[in-house]
Amino acid sequence: MKRLALVAAAGVALSAAPAHAADPDPYACFGGARYVAMGAGFRCADLPMFCAAARALLAEVGGNEAAAEKLARSRGHGRLSIALAHRFCRDRG
């Protein structure tokens, strides 16, 4: 009975841990730009989806980066997000 209570208590303790606890540094992939990523609210896990959206925006304007940046700003995307896209999404797909 004592063992069952201990196992149940351990299960409750593990389920109460935050989901991001498994990733010790969610900004490691950004290197020196980690604080820019933090300011923009991005984590390494967000990069694939973020870069896919950046590629879609670029395709929408025919591949013109200046036009894509202007369109992104008109849609409310911040300068930090645009800077991260320039830095981390060029070589992703």
C-alpha atoms as a PDB file:
ATOM      1  CA  MET A   1       0.000   0.000   0.000  1.00  0.00           C
ATOM      2  CA  LYS A   2       2.860   2.332   0.842  1.00  0.00           C
ATOM      3  CA  ARG A   3       4.458   1.663  -2.561  1.00  0.00           C
ATOM      4  CA  LEU A   4       1.188   2.482  -4.372  1.00  0.00           C
ATOM      5  CA  ALA A   5       0.909   5.809  -2.549  1.00  0.00           C
ATOM      6  CA  LEU A   6       4.515   6.644  -3.418  1.00  0.00           C
ATOM      7  CA  VAL A   7       3.970   5.823  -7.107  1.00  0.00           C
ATOM      8  CA  ALA A   8       0.780   7.894  -7.164  1.00  0.00           C
ATOM      9  CA  ALA A   9       2.548  10.845  -5.528  1.00  0.00           C
ATOM     10  CA  ALA A  10       5.386  10.619  -8.052  1.00  0.00           C
ATOM     11  CA  GLY A  11       2.880  10.549 -10.912  1.00  0.00           C
ATOM     12  CA  VAL A  12       1.164  13.672  -9.607  1.00  0.00           C
ATOM     13  CA  ALA A  13       4.501  15.449  -9.198  1.00  0.00           C
ATOM     14  CA  LEU A  14       5.560  14.589 -12.752  1.00  0.00           C
ATOM     15  CA  SER A  15       2.259  15.670 -14.257  1.00  0.00           C
ATOM     16  CA  ALA A  16       2.476  19.017 -12.469  1.00  0.00           C
ATOM     17  CA  ALA A  17       5.801  19.906 -14.129  1.00  0.00           C
ATOM     18  CA  PRO A  18       5.513  22.510 -16.887  1.00  0.00           C
ATOM     19  CA  ALA A  19       5.675  21.222 -20.457  1.00  0.00           C
ATOM     20  CA  HIS A  20       8.729  23.287 -21.330  1.00  0.00           C
ATOM     21  CA  ALA A  21      10.742  21.801 -18.472  1.00  0.00           C
ATOM     22  CA  ALA A  22      12.079  19.083 -20.802  1.00  0.00           C
ATOM     23  CA  ASP A  23      13.900  21.692 -22.902  1.00  0.00           C
ATOM     24  CA  PRO A  24      16.632  23.200 -20.699  1.00  0.00           C
ATOM     25  CA  ASP A  25      17.326  26.092 -23.105  1.00  0.00           C
ATOM     26  CA  PRO A  26      14.527  26.805 -25.588  1.00  0.00           C
ATOM     27  CA  TYR A  27      16.606  29.600 -27.179  1.00  0.00           C
ATOM     28  CA  ALA A  28      19.880  27.694 -27.765  1.00  0.00           C
ATOM     29  CA  CYS A  29      19.445  27.485 -31.543  1.00  0.00           C
ATOM     30  CA  PHE A  30      19.421  31.282 -31.829  1.00  0.00           C
ATOM     31  CA  GLY A  31      22.965  31.653 -30.500  1.00  0.00           C
ATOM     32  CA  GLY A  32      23.873  35.323 -30.145  1.00  0.00           C
ATOM     33  CA  ALA A  33      20.381  36.369 -31.221  1.00  0.00           C
ATOM     34  CA  ARG A  34      18.757  34.631 -28.253  1.00  0.00           C
ATOM     35  CA  TYR A  35      17.616  37.898 -26.662  1.00  0.00           C
ATOM     36  CA  VAL A  36      16.113  39.061 -29.950  1.00  0.00           C
ATOM     37  CA  ALA A  37      14.187  35.781 -30.077  1.00  0.00           C
ATOM     38  CA  MET A  38      13.072  36.216 -26.477  1.00  0.00           C
ATOM     39  CA  GLY A  39      11.927  39.757 -27.239  1.00  0.00           C
ATOM     40  CA  ALA A  40       9.937  38.569 -30.233  1.00  0.00           C
ATOM     41  CA  GLY A  41       8.480  35.645 -28.274  1.00  0.00           C
ATOM     42  CA  PHE A  42      10.068  32.832 -30.295  1.00  0.00           C
ATOM     43  CA  ARG A  43      11.583  29.526 -29.208  1.00  0.00           C
ATOM     44  CA  CYS A  44      13.589  27.031 -31.224  1.00  0.00           C
ATOM     45  CA  ALA A  45      10.509  24.833 -31.575  1.00  0.00           C
ATOM     46  CA  ASP A  46       8.748  27.702 -33.393  1.00  0.00           C
ATOM     47  CA  LEU A  47      11.347  28.010 -36.176  1.00  0.00           C
ATOM     48  CA  PRO A  48       9.957  25.474 -38.702  1.00  0.00           C
ATOM     49  CA  MET A  49       6.465  26.975 -38.669  1.00  0.00           C
ATOM     50  CA  PHE A  50       7.814  30.540 -38.546  1.00  0.00           C
ATOM     51  CA  CYS A  51      10.082  29.960 -41.552  1.00  0.00           C
ATOM     52  CA  ALA A  52       7.277  28.285 -43.495  1.00  0.00           C
ATOM     53  CA  ALA A  53       5.120  31.372 -42.936  1.00  0.00           C
ATOM     54  CA  ALA A  54       7.999  33.636 -43.983  1.00  0.00           C
ATOM     55  CA  ARG A  55       8.486  31.599 -47.179  1.00  0.00           C
ATOM     56  CA  ALA A  56       4.753  31.810 -47.931  1.00  0.00           C
ATOM     57  CA  LEU A  57       4.830  35.583 -47.480  1.00  0.00           C
ATOM     58  CA  LEU A  58       7.870  35.830 -49.756  1.00  0.00           C
ATOM     59  CA  ALA A  59       6.155  33.685 -52.396  1.00  0.00           C
ATOM     60  CA  GLU A  60       3.051  35.866 -52.155  1.00  0.00           C
ATOM     61  CA  VAL A  61       5.043  38.883 -53.391  1.00  0.00           C
ATOM     62  CA  GLY A  62       6.985  36.971 -56.021  1.00  0.00           C
ATOM     63  CA  GLY A  63      10.257  36.547 -54.139  1.00  0.00           C
ATOM     64  CA  ASN A  64      10.994  40.244 -53.581  1.00  0.00           C
ATOM     65  CA  GLU A  65      12.397  40.538 -50.036  1.00  0.00           C
ATOM     66  CA  ALA A  66      11.778  44.284 -49.742  1.00  0.00           C
ATOM     67  CA  ALA A  67       8.142  43.842 -50.759  1.00  0.00           C
ATOM     68  CA  ALA A  68       7.769  40.898 -48.377  1.00  0.00           C
ATOM     69  CA  GLU A  69       9.146  42.977 -45.512  1.00  0.00           C
ATOM     70  CA  LYS A  70       6.762  45.831 -46.342  1.00  0.00           C
ATOM     71  CA  LEU A  71       3.824  43.405 -46.489  1.00  0.00           C
ATOM     72  CA  ALA A  72       4.853  41.830 -43.174  1.00  0.00           C
ATOM     73  CA  ARG A  73       4.967  45.241 -41.491  1.00  0.00           C
ATOM     74  CA  SER A  74       1.583  46.180 -42.950  1.00  0.00           C
ATOM     75  CA  ARG A  75       0.188  42.989 -41.414  1.00  0.00           C
ATOM     76  CA  GLY A  76       1.503  43.947 -37.987  1.00  0.00           C
ATOM     77  CA  HIS A  77       4.672  41.874 -37.765  1.00  0.00           C
ATOM     78  CA  GLY A  78       7.384  43.553 -35.714  1.00  0.00           C
ATOM     79  CA  ARG A  79      10.923  44.426 -36.683  1.00  0.00           C
ATOM     80  CA  LEU A  80      12.349  41.728 -34.413  1.00  0.00           C
ATOM     81  CA  SER A  81      10.302  39.053 -36.183  1.00  0.00           C
ATOM     82  CA  ILE A  82      11.430  40.310 -39.570  1.00  0.00           C
ATOM     83  CA  ALA A  83      15.069  40.390 -38.442  1.00  0.00           C
ATOM     84  CA  LEU A  84      14.779  36.793 -37.196  1.00  0.00           C
ATOM     85  CA  ALA A  85      13.307  35.725 -40.530  1.00  0.00           C
ATOM     86  CA  HIS A  86      16.216  37.348 -42.374  1.00  0.00           C
ATOM     87  CA  ARG A  87      18.765  35.649 -40.137  1.00  0.00           C
ATOM     88  CA  PHE A  88      17.331  32.152 -39.608  1.00  0.00           C
ATOM     89  CA  CYS A  89      15.008  31.366 -42.520  1.00  0.00           C
ATOM     90  CA  ARG A  90      17.229  31.953 -45.549  1.00  0.00           C
ATOM     91  CA  ASP A  91      18.713  28.454 -45.558  1.00  0.00           C
ATOM     92  CA  ARG A  92      15.643  26.564 -44.310  1.00  0.00           C
ATOM     93  CA  GLY A  93      13.931  24.963 -47.273  1.00  0.00           C
END
